PDB file of N, CA and C in Angstrom:
ATOM      1  N   MET A   1      13.753  34.358   7.106  1.00  0.00           N
ATOM      2  CA  MET A   1      13.612  33.219   8.008  1.00  0.00           C
ATOM      3  C   MET A   1      13.564  31.932   7.187  1.00  0.00           C
ATOM      4  N   ALA A   2      14.387  30.967   7.557  1.00  0.00           N
ATOM      5  CA  ALA A   2      14.464  29.710   6.823  1.00  0.00           C
ATOM      6  C   ALA A   2      13.226  28.860   7.095  1.00  0.00           C
ATOM      7  N   LEU A   3      12.846  28.135   6.090  1.00  0.00           N
ATOM      8  CA  LEU A   3      11.713  27.229   6.213  1.00  0.00           C
ATOM      9  C   LEU A   3      12.067  26.103   7.179  1.00  0.00           C
ATOM     10  N   GLN A   4      11.211  25.872   8.142  1.00  0.00           N
ATOM     11  CA  GLN A   4      11.435  24.774   9.068  1.00  0.00           C
ATOM     12  C   GLN A   4      11.060  23.477   8.371  1.00  0.00           C
ATOM     13  N   LYS A   5      11.872  22.457   8.565  1.00  0.00           N
ATOM     14  CA  LYS A   5      11.648  21.181   7.886  1.00  0.00           C
ATOM     15  C   LYS A   5      11.302  20.088   8.882  1.00  0.00           C
ATOM     16  N   ALA A   6      10.573  19.103   8.378  1.00  0.00           N
ATOM     17  CA  ALA A   6      10.302  17.892   9.145  1.00  0.00           C
ATOM     18  C   ALA A   6      11.386  16.879   8.806  1.00  0.00           C
ATOM     19  N   PHE A   7      11.782  16.103   9.769  1.00  0.00           N
ATOM     20  CA  PHE A   7      12.728  15.022   9.523  1.00  0.00           C
ATOM     21  C   PHE A   7      11.945  13.810   9.030  1.00  0.00           C
ATOM     22  N   LEU A   8      12.498  13.131   8.036  1.00  0.00           N
ATOM     23  CA  LEU A   8      11.922  11.878   7.542  1.00  0.00           C
ATOM     24  C   LEU A   8      12.979  10.800   7.730  1.00  0.00           C
ATOM     25  N   LEU A   9      12.742   9.912   8.697  1.00  0.00           N
ATOM     26  CA  LEU A   9      13.684   8.837   8.988  1.00  0.00           C
ATOM     27  C   LEU A   9      13.376   7.633   8.109  1.00  0.00           C
ATOM     28  N   THR A  10      14.416   7.140   7.429  1.00  0.00           N
ATOM     29  CA  THR A  10      14.271   5.975   6.557  1.00  0.00           C
ATOM     30  C   THR A  10      15.455   5.036   6.776  1.00  0.00           C
ATOM     31  N   LYS A  11      15.296   3.819   6.268  1.00  0.00           N
ATOM     32  CA  LYS A  11      16.399   2.861   6.317  1.00  0.00           C
ATOM     33  C   LYS A  11      16.283   1.909   5.130  1.00  0.00           C
ATOM     34  N   ASP A  12      17.367   1.172   4.897  1.00  0.00           N
ATOM     35  CA  ASP A  12      17.394   0.198   3.804  1.00  0.00           C
ATOM     36  C   ASP A  12      16.470  -0.977   4.098  1.00  0.00           C
ATOM     37  N   GLN A  13      16.028  -1.620   3.033  1.00  0.00           N
ATOM     38  CA  GLN A  13      15.187  -2.816   3.123  1.00  0.00           C
ATOM     39  C   GLN A  13      13.951  -2.584   3.986  1.00  0.00           C
ATOM     40  N   CYS A  14      13.340  -1.424   3.788  1.00  0.00           N
ATOM     41  CA  CYS A  14      12.133  -1.039   4.513  1.00  0.00           C
ATOM     42  C   CYS A  14      11.038  -0.782   3.480  1.00  0.00           C
ATOM     43  N   PRO A  15      10.156  -1.753   3.268  1.00  0.00           N
ATOM     44  CA  PRO A  15       9.108  -1.572   2.248  1.00  0.00           C
ATOM     45  C   PRO A  15       8.230  -0.351   2.512  1.00  0.00           C
ATOM     46  N   HIS A  16       7.923  -0.068   3.769  1.00  0.00           N
ATOM     47  CA  HIS A  16       7.081   1.090   4.080  1.00  0.00           C
ATOM     48  C   HIS A  16       7.800   2.401   3.746  1.00  0.00           C
ATOM     49  N   CYS A  17       9.128   2.422   3.930  1.00  0.00           N
ATOM     50  CA  CYS A  17       9.907   3.617   3.560  1.00  0.00           C
ATOM     51  C   CYS A  17       9.798   3.857   2.060  1.00  0.00           C
ATOM     52  N   GLU A  18       9.916   2.787   1.287  1.00  0.00           N
ATOM     53  CA  GLU A  18       9.821   2.913  -0.172  1.00  0.00           C
ATOM     54  C   GLU A  18       8.419   3.354  -0.586  1.00  0.00           C
ATOM     55  N   HIS A  19       7.396   2.807   0.057  1.00  0.00           N
ATOM     56  CA  HIS A  19       6.020   3.215  -0.254  1.00  0.00           C
ATOM     57  C   HIS A  19       5.808   4.699   0.046  1.00  0.00           C
ATOM     58  N   LEU A  20       6.347   5.164   1.163  1.00  0.00           N
ATOM     59  CA  LEU A  20       6.202   6.577   1.511  1.00  0.00           C
ATOM     60  C   LEU A  20       6.909   7.461   0.486  1.00  0.00           C
ATOM     61  N   LYS A  21       8.125   7.081   0.100  1.00  0.00           N
ATOM     62  CA  LYS A  21       8.860   7.867  -0.892  1.00  0.00           C
ATOM     63  C   LYS A  21       8.092   7.926  -2.217  1.00  0.00           C
ATOM     64  N   GLN A  22       7.518   6.799  -2.621  1.00  0.00           N
ATOM     65  CA  GLN A  22       6.721   6.767  -3.856  1.00  0.00           C
ATOM     66  C   GLN A  22       5.475   7.638  -3.719  1.00  0.00           C
ATOM     67  N   PHE A  23       4.825   7.584  -2.574  1.00  0.00           N
ATOM     68  CA  PHE A  23       3.642   8.401  -2.315  1.00  0.00           C
ATOM     69  C   PHE A  23       3.991   9.885  -2.406  1.00  0.00           C
ATOM     70  N   LEU A  24       5.090  10.268  -1.787  1.00  0.00           N
ATOM     71  CA  LEU A  24       5.517  11.669  -1.828  1.00  0.00           C
ATOM     72  C   LEU A  24       5.853  12.108  -3.255  1.00  0.00           C
ATOM     73  N   ALA A  25       6.520  11.244  -3.995  1.00  0.00           N
ATOM     74  CA  ALA A  25       6.958  11.591  -5.348  1.00  0.00           C
ATOM     75  C   ALA A  25       5.831  11.541  -6.363  1.00  0.00           C
ATOM     76  N   LEU A  26       5.016  10.495  -6.303  1.00  0.00           N
ATOM     77  CA  LEU A  26       4.008  10.289  -7.343  1.00  0.00           C
ATOM     78  C   LEU A  26       2.655  10.893  -6.976  1.00  0.00           C
ATOM     79  N   ALA A  27       2.076  10.452  -5.885  1.00  0.00           N
ATOM     80  CA  ALA A  27       0.737  10.924  -5.512  1.00  0.00           C
ATOM     81  C   ALA A  27       0.743  12.408  -5.143  1.00  0.00           C
ATOM     82  N   LEU A  28       1.784  12.832  -4.431  1.00  0.00           N
ATOM     83  CA  LEU A  28       1.851  14.232  -4.005  1.00  0.00           C
ATOM     84  C   LEU A  28       2.760  15.069  -4.909  1.00  0.00           C
ATOM     85  N   ARG A  29       3.291  14.464  -5.952  1.00  0.00           N
ATOM     86  CA  ARG A  29       4.111  15.141  -6.963  1.00  0.00           C
ATOM     87  C   ARG A  29       5.226  16.002  -6.347  1.00  0.00           C
ATOM     88  N   ASN A  30       5.880  15.456  -5.335  1.00  0.00           N
ATOM     89  CA  ASN A  30       6.993  16.145  -4.653  1.00  0.00           C
ATOM     90  C   ASN A  30       6.624  17.528  -4.123  1.00  0.00           C
ATOM     91  N   HIS A  31       5.352  17.727  -3.854  1.00  0.00           N
ATOM     92  CA  HIS A  31       4.856  19.018  -3.372  1.00  0.00           C
ATOM     93  C   HIS A  31       5.512  19.448  -2.060  1.00  0.00           C
ATOM     94  N   TYR A  32       5.877  18.483  -1.246  1.00  0.00           N
ATOM     95  CA  TYR A  32       6.448  18.782   0.075  1.00  0.00           C
ATOM     96  C   TYR A  32       7.960  18.560   0.123  1.00  0.00           C
ATOM     97  N   GLN A  33       8.589  18.375  -1.019  1.00  0.00           N
ATOM     98  CA  GLN A  33      10.018  18.059  -1.076  1.00  0.00           C
ATOM     99  C   GLN A  33      10.864  19.062  -0.291  1.00  0.00           C
ATOM    100  N   ASP A  34      10.568  20.346  -0.411  1.00  0.00           N
ATOM    101  CA  ASP A  34      11.342  21.378   0.280  1.00  0.00           C
ATOM    102  C   ASP A  34      11.068  21.424   1.784  1.00  0.00           C
ATOM    103  N   CYS A  35      10.067  20.676   2.228  1.00  0.00           N
ATOM    104  CA  CYS A  35       9.676  20.687   3.644  1.00  0.00           C
ATOM    105  C   CYS A  35      10.295  19.535   4.431  1.00  0.00           C
ATOM    106  N   LEU A  36      10.988  18.632   3.729  1.00  0.00           N
ATOM    107  CA  LEU A  36      11.486  17.424   4.373  1.00  0.00           C
ATOM    108  C   LEU A  36      13.002  17.351   4.353  1.00  0.00           C
ATOM    109  N   GLU A  37      13.549  16.878   5.458  1.00  0.00           N
ATOM    110  CA  GLU A  37      14.973  16.570   5.527  1.00  0.00           C
ATOM    111  C   GLU A  37      15.090  15.066   5.765  1.00  0.00           C
ATOM    112  N   TYR A  38      15.589  14.368   4.764  1.00  0.00           N
ATOM    113  CA  TYR A  38      15.725  12.915   4.852  1.00  0.00           C
ATOM    114  C   TYR A  38      16.897  12.564   5.754  1.00  0.00           C
ATOM    115  N   VAL A  39      16.649  11.641   6.688  1.00  0.00           N
ATOM    116  CA  VAL A  39      17.693  11.160   7.587  1.00  0.00           C
ATOM    117  C   VAL A  39      17.706   9.643   7.454  1.00  0.00           C
ATOM    118  N   HIS A  40      18.718   9.154   6.726  1.00  0.00           N
ATOM    119  CA  HIS A  40      18.828   7.721   6.449  1.00  0.00           C
ATOM    120  C   HIS A  40      19.672   7.048   7.524  1.00  0.00           C
ATOM    121  N   GLN A  41      19.257   5.855   7.926  1.00  0.00           N
ATOM    122  CA  GLN A  41      19.910   5.145   9.028  1.00  0.00           C
ATOM    123  C   GLN A  41      21.400   4.915   8.772  1.00  0.00           C
ATOM    124  N   THR A  42      21.767   4.594   7.540  1.00  0.00           N
ATOM    125  CA  THR A  42      23.166   4.318   7.227  1.00  0.00           C
ATOM    126  C   THR A  42      23.931   5.592   6.891  1.00  0.00           C
ATOM    127  N   ASN A  43      23.342   6.429   6.052  1.00  0.00           N
ATOM    128  CA  ASN A  43      24.036   7.632   5.576  1.00  0.00           C
ATOM    129  C   ASN A  43      24.144   8.730   6.637  1.00  0.00           C
ATOM    130  N   ASN A  44      23.222   8.751   7.587  1.00  0.00           N
ATOM    131  CA  ASN A  44      23.200   9.767   8.650  1.00  0.00           C
ATOM    132  C   ASN A  44      23.058   9.069  10.003  1.00  0.00           C
ATOM    133  N   ALA A  45      23.926   8.110  10.259  1.00  0.00           N
ATOM    134  CA  ALA A  45      23.774   7.217  11.420  1.00  0.00           C
ATOM    135  C   ALA A  45      23.669   7.955  12.749  1.00  0.00           C
ATOM    136  N   GLU A  46      24.514   8.950  12.969  1.00  0.00           N
ATOM    137  CA  GLU A  46      24.507   9.643  14.254  1.00  0.00           C
ATOM    138  C   GLU A  46      23.215  10.444  14.449  1.00  0.00           C
ATOM    139  N   GLN A  47      22.815  11.200  13.426  1.00  0.00           N
ATOM    140  CA  GLN A  47      21.585  11.993  13.515  1.00  0.00           C
ATOM    141  C   GLN A  47      20.369  11.071  13.641  1.00  0.00           C
ATOM    142  N   PHE A  48      20.372   9.963  12.893  1.00  0.00           N
ATOM    143  CA  PHE A  48      19.285   8.991  12.955  1.00  0.00           C
ATOM    144  C   PHE A  48      19.145   8.458  14.381  1.00  0.00           C
ATOM    145  N   ALA A  49      20.259   8.022  14.971  1.00  0.00           N
ATOM    146  CA  ALA A  49      20.240   7.461  16.329  1.00  0.00           C
ATOM    147  C   ALA A  49      19.768   8.492  17.352  1.00  0.00           C
ATOM    148  N   THR A  50      20.206   9.726  17.199  1.00  0.00           N
ATOM    149  CA  THR A  50      19.796  10.787  18.118  1.00  0.00           C
ATOM    150  C   THR A  50      18.294  11.015  18.049  1.00  0.00           C
ATOM    151  N   LEU A  51      17.744  11.114  16.835  1.00  0.00           N
ATOM    152  CA  LEU A  51      16.305  11.351  16.679  1.00  0.00           C
ATOM    153  C   LEU A  51      15.477  10.168  17.188  1.00  0.00           C
ATOM    154  N   VAL A  52      15.939   8.952  16.926  1.00  0.00           N
ATOM    155  CA  VAL A  52      15.248   7.754  17.419  1.00  0.00           C
ATOM    156  C   VAL A  52      15.188   7.786  18.940  1.00  0.00           C
ATOM    157  N   SER A  53      16.314   8.115  19.562  1.00  0.00           N
ATOM    158  CA  SER A  53      16.379   8.170  21.024  1.00  0.00           C
ATOM    159  C   SER A  53      15.505   9.289  21.586  1.00  0.00           C
ATOM    160  N   GLN A  54      15.589  10.481  21.012  1.00  0.00           N
ATOM    161  CA  GLN A  54      14.841  11.635  21.517  1.00  0.00           C
ATOM    162  C   GLN A  54      13.335  11.445  21.415  1.00  0.00           C
ATOM    163  N   HIS A  55      12.870  10.776  20.359  1.00  0.00           N
ATOM    164  CA  HIS A  55      11.436  10.703  20.086  1.00  0.00           C
ATOM    165  C   HIS A  55      10.842   9.308  20.288  1.00  0.00           C
ATOM    166  N   GLY A  56      11.634   8.363  20.763  1.00  0.00           N
ATOM    167  CA  GLY A  56      11.127   7.024  21.024  1.00  0.00           C
ATOM    168  C   GLY A  56      10.620   6.316  19.772  1.00  0.00           C
ATOM    169  N   ILE A  57      11.320   6.490  18.678  1.00  0.00           N
ATOM    170  CA  ILE A  57      10.903   5.893  17.404  1.00  0.00           C
ATOM    171  C   ILE A  57      11.042   4.379  17.480  1.00  0.00           C
ATOM    172  N   LYS A  58       9.972   3.685  17.081  1.00  0.00           N
ATOM    173  CA  LYS A  58       9.956   2.219  17.099  1.00  0.00           C
ATOM    174  C   LYS A  58       9.916   1.629  15.697  1.00  0.00           C
ATOM    175  N   GLU A  59       9.519   2.440  14.693  1.00  0.00           N
ATOM    176  CA  GLU A  59       9.455   1.915  13.334  1.00  0.00           C
ATOM    177  C   GLU A  59       9.712   3.027  12.326  1.00  0.00           C
ATOM    178  N   THR A  60      10.121   2.594  11.147  1.00  0.00           N
ATOM    179  CA  THR A  60      10.320   3.534  10.046  1.00  0.00           C
ATOM    180  C   THR A  60       9.325   3.197   8.951  1.00  0.00           C
ATOM    181  N   PRO A  61       9.010   4.154   8.124  1.00  0.00           N
ATOM    182  CA  PRO A  61       9.487   5.524   8.162  1.00  0.00           C
ATOM    183  C   PRO A  61       8.883   6.277   9.342  1.00  0.00           C
ATOM    184  N   ALA A  62       9.501   7.381   9.678  1.00  0.00           N
ATOM    185  CA  ALA A  62       8.976   8.240  10.733  1.00  0.00           C
ATOM    186  C   ALA A  62       9.137   9.689  10.303  1.00  0.00           C
ATOM    187  N   LEU A  63       8.074  10.442  10.472  1.00  0.00           N
ATOM    188  CA  LEU A  63       8.099  11.887  10.232  1.00  0.00           C
ATOM    189  C   LEU A  63       8.131  12.573  11.583  1.00  0.00           C
ATOM    190  N   ILE A  64       9.035  13.535  11.732  1.00  0.00           N
ATOM    191  CA  ILE A  64       9.178  14.258  12.995  1.00  0.00           C
ATOM    192  C   ILE A  64       9.153  15.746  12.713  1.00  0.00           C
ATOM    193  N   MET A  65       8.240  16.433  13.379  1.00  0.00           N
ATOM    194  CA  MET A  65       8.183  17.892  13.304  1.00  0.00           C
ATOM    195  C   MET A  65       8.072  18.386  14.733  1.00  0.00           C
ATOM    196  N   GLU A  66       9.163  18.940  15.245  1.00  0.00           N
ATOM    197  CA  GLU A  66       9.257  19.355  16.637  1.00  0.00           C
ATOM    198  C   GLU A  66       8.937  18.156  17.532  1.00  0.00           C
ATOM    199  N   GLU A  67       7.843  18.197  18.280  1.00  0.00           N
ATOM    200  CA  GLU A  67       7.514  17.063  19.157  1.00  0.00           C
ATOM    201  C   GLU A  67       6.435  16.151  18.564  1.00  0.00           C
ATOM    202  N   ASP A  68       5.966  16.467  17.387  1.00  0.00           N
ATOM    203  CA  ASP A  68       4.936  15.675  16.716  1.00  0.00           C
ATOM    204  C   ASP A  68       5.619  14.592  15.879  1.00  0.00           C
ATOM    205  N   VAL A  69       5.210  13.333  16.085  1.00  0.00           N
ATOM    206  CA  VAL A  69       5.840  12.208  15.404  1.00  0.00           C
ATOM    207  C   VAL A  69       4.773  11.334  14.760  1.00  0.00           C
ATOM    208  N   LEU A  70       5.014  10.934  13.520  1.00  0.00           N
ATOM    209  CA  LEU A  70       4.157   9.988  12.815  1.00  0.00           C
ATOM    210  C   LEU A  70       5.035   8.831  12.382  1.00  0.00           C
ATOM    211  N   GLN A  71       4.752   7.641  12.904  1.00  0.00           N
ATOM    212  CA  GLN A  71       5.540   6.461  12.586  1.00  0.00           C
ATOM    213  C   GLN A  71       4.760   5.552  11.644  1.00  0.00           C
ATOM    214  N   GLY A  72       5.505   4.869  10.762  1.00  0.00           N
ATOM    215  CA  GLY A  72       4.879   3.965   9.804  1.00  0.00           C
ATOM    216  C   GLY A  72       4.357   4.747   8.608  1.00  0.00           C
ATOM    217  N   PHE A  73       3.654   4.058   7.724  1.00  0.00           N
ATOM    218  CA  PHE A  73       3.142   4.733   6.539  1.00  0.00           C
ATOM    219  C   PHE A  73       1.667   4.433   6.334  1.00  0.00           C
ATOM    220  N   ALA A  74       0.873   5.474   6.350  1.00  0.00           N
ATOM    221  CA  ALA A  74      -0.544   5.438   5.983  1.00  0.00           C
ATOM    222  C   ALA A  74      -0.768   6.717   5.171  1.00  0.00           C
ATOM    223  N   PRO A  75      -1.215   6.589   3.921  1.00  0.00           N
ATOM    224  CA  PRO A  75      -1.325   7.769   3.055  1.00  0.00           C
ATOM    225  C   PRO A  75      -2.096   8.936   3.662  1.00  0.00           C
ATOM    226  N   GLN A  76      -3.282   8.700   4.202  1.00  0.00           N
ATOM    227  CA  GLN A  76      -4.082   9.813   4.723  1.00  0.00           C
ATOM    228  C   GLN A  76      -3.432  10.446   5.946  1.00  0.00           C
ATOM    229  N   ALA A  77      -2.887   9.626   6.824  1.00  0.00           N
ATOM    230  CA  ALA A  77      -2.222  10.158   8.013  1.00  0.00           C
ATOM    231  C   ALA A  77      -0.997  10.985   7.620  1.00  0.00           C
ATOM    232  N   THR A  78      -0.274  10.530   6.614  1.00  0.00           N
ATOM    233  CA  THR A  78       0.890  11.273   6.122  1.00  0.00           C
ATOM    234  C   THR A  78       0.466  12.619   5.555  1.00  0.00           C
ATOM    235  N   LEU A  79      -0.561  12.616   4.721  1.00  0.00           N
ATOM    236  CA  LEU A  79      -1.050  13.865   4.140  1.00  0.00           C
ATOM    237  C   LEU A  79      -1.536  14.813   5.230  1.00  0.00           C
ATOM    238  N   ASN A  80      -2.281  14.299   6.199  1.00  0.00           N
ATOM    239  CA  ASN A  80      -2.769  15.138   7.302  1.00  0.00           C
ATOM    240  C   ASN A  80      -1.609  15.768   8.081  1.00  0.00           C
ATOM    241  N   PHE A  81      -0.567  14.987   8.342  1.00  0.00           N
ATOM    242  CA  PHE A  81       0.617  15.469   9.056  1.00  0.00           C
ATOM    243  C   PHE A  81       1.252  16.620   8.280  1.00  0.00           C
ATOM    244  N   LEU A  82       1.430  16.445   6.978  1.00  0.00           N
ATOM    245  CA  LEU A  82       2.078  17.460   6.146  1.00  0.00           C
ATOM    246  C   LEU A  82       1.235  18.734   6.053  1.00  0.00           C
ATOM    247  N   ILE A  83      -0.065  18.582   5.888  1.00  0.00           N
ATOM    248  CA  ILE A  83      -0.951  19.754   5.813  1.00  0.00           C
ATOM    249  C   ILE A  83      -0.951  20.493   7.156  1.00  0.00           C
ATOM    250  N   LYS A  84      -1.002  19.747   8.246  1.00  0.00           N
ATOM    251  CA  LYS A  84      -1.006  20.349   9.581  1.00  0.00           C
ATOM    252  C   LYS A  84       0.231  21.227   9.805  1.00  0.00           C
ATOM    253  N   HIS A  85       1.387  20.732   9.382  1.00  0.00           N
ATOM    254  CA  HIS A  85       2.632  21.431   9.672  1.00  0.00           C
ATOM    255  C   HIS A  85       3.052  22.430   8.607  1.00  0.00           C
ATOM    256  N   PHE A  86       2.595  22.232   7.382  1.00  0.00           N
ATOM    257  CA  PHE A  86       3.058  23.111   6.307  1.00  0.00           C
ATOM    258  C   PHE A  86       1.932  23.875   5.643  1.00  0.00           C
ATOM    259  N   GLY A  87       0.697  23.592   6.053  1.00  0.00           N
ATOM    260  CA  GLY A  87      -0.445  24.400   5.664  1.00  0.00           C
ATOM    261  C   GLY A  87      -0.699  24.545   4.189  1.00  0.00           C
ATOM    262  N   LYS A  88      -0.240  23.617   3.415  1.00  0.00           N
ATOM    263  CA  LYS A  88      -0.508  23.700   1.979  1.00  0.00           C
ATOM    264  C   LYS A  88      -0.896  22.337   1.450  1.00  0.00           C
ATOM    265  N   ARG A  89      -1.829  22.346   0.547  1.00  0.00           N
ATOM    266  CA  ARG A  89      -2.303  21.113  -0.056  1.00  0.00           C
ATOM    267  C   ARG A  89      -1.634  20.938  -1.417  1.00  0.00           C
ATOM    268  N   PRO A  90      -1.407  19.694  -1.792  1.00  0.00           N
ATOM    269  CA  PRO A  90      -0.804  19.445  -3.118  1.00  0.00           C
ATOM    270  C   PRO A  90      -1.759  19.805  -4.243  1.00  0.00           C
TER     271      PRO A  90
END
């Protein structure tokens, strides 16, 4: 059975997107890298638009796991979201 992934919506010129990427890479040492599927607004325009429409996304970055959505970037909320869905701590 394939590992289910959370979508991570990002876009260019988004300081919060960059902060989240740095948090994932540095603070969490890419611990959740295999759990995320990056969906960039420009590089994956159709998928990005579909997810925004389906989940009512108003800001980026956004983490989506099934019907659970976390918009914006707050370190503790991000960590809680990842632990909740992937059950492992960095």
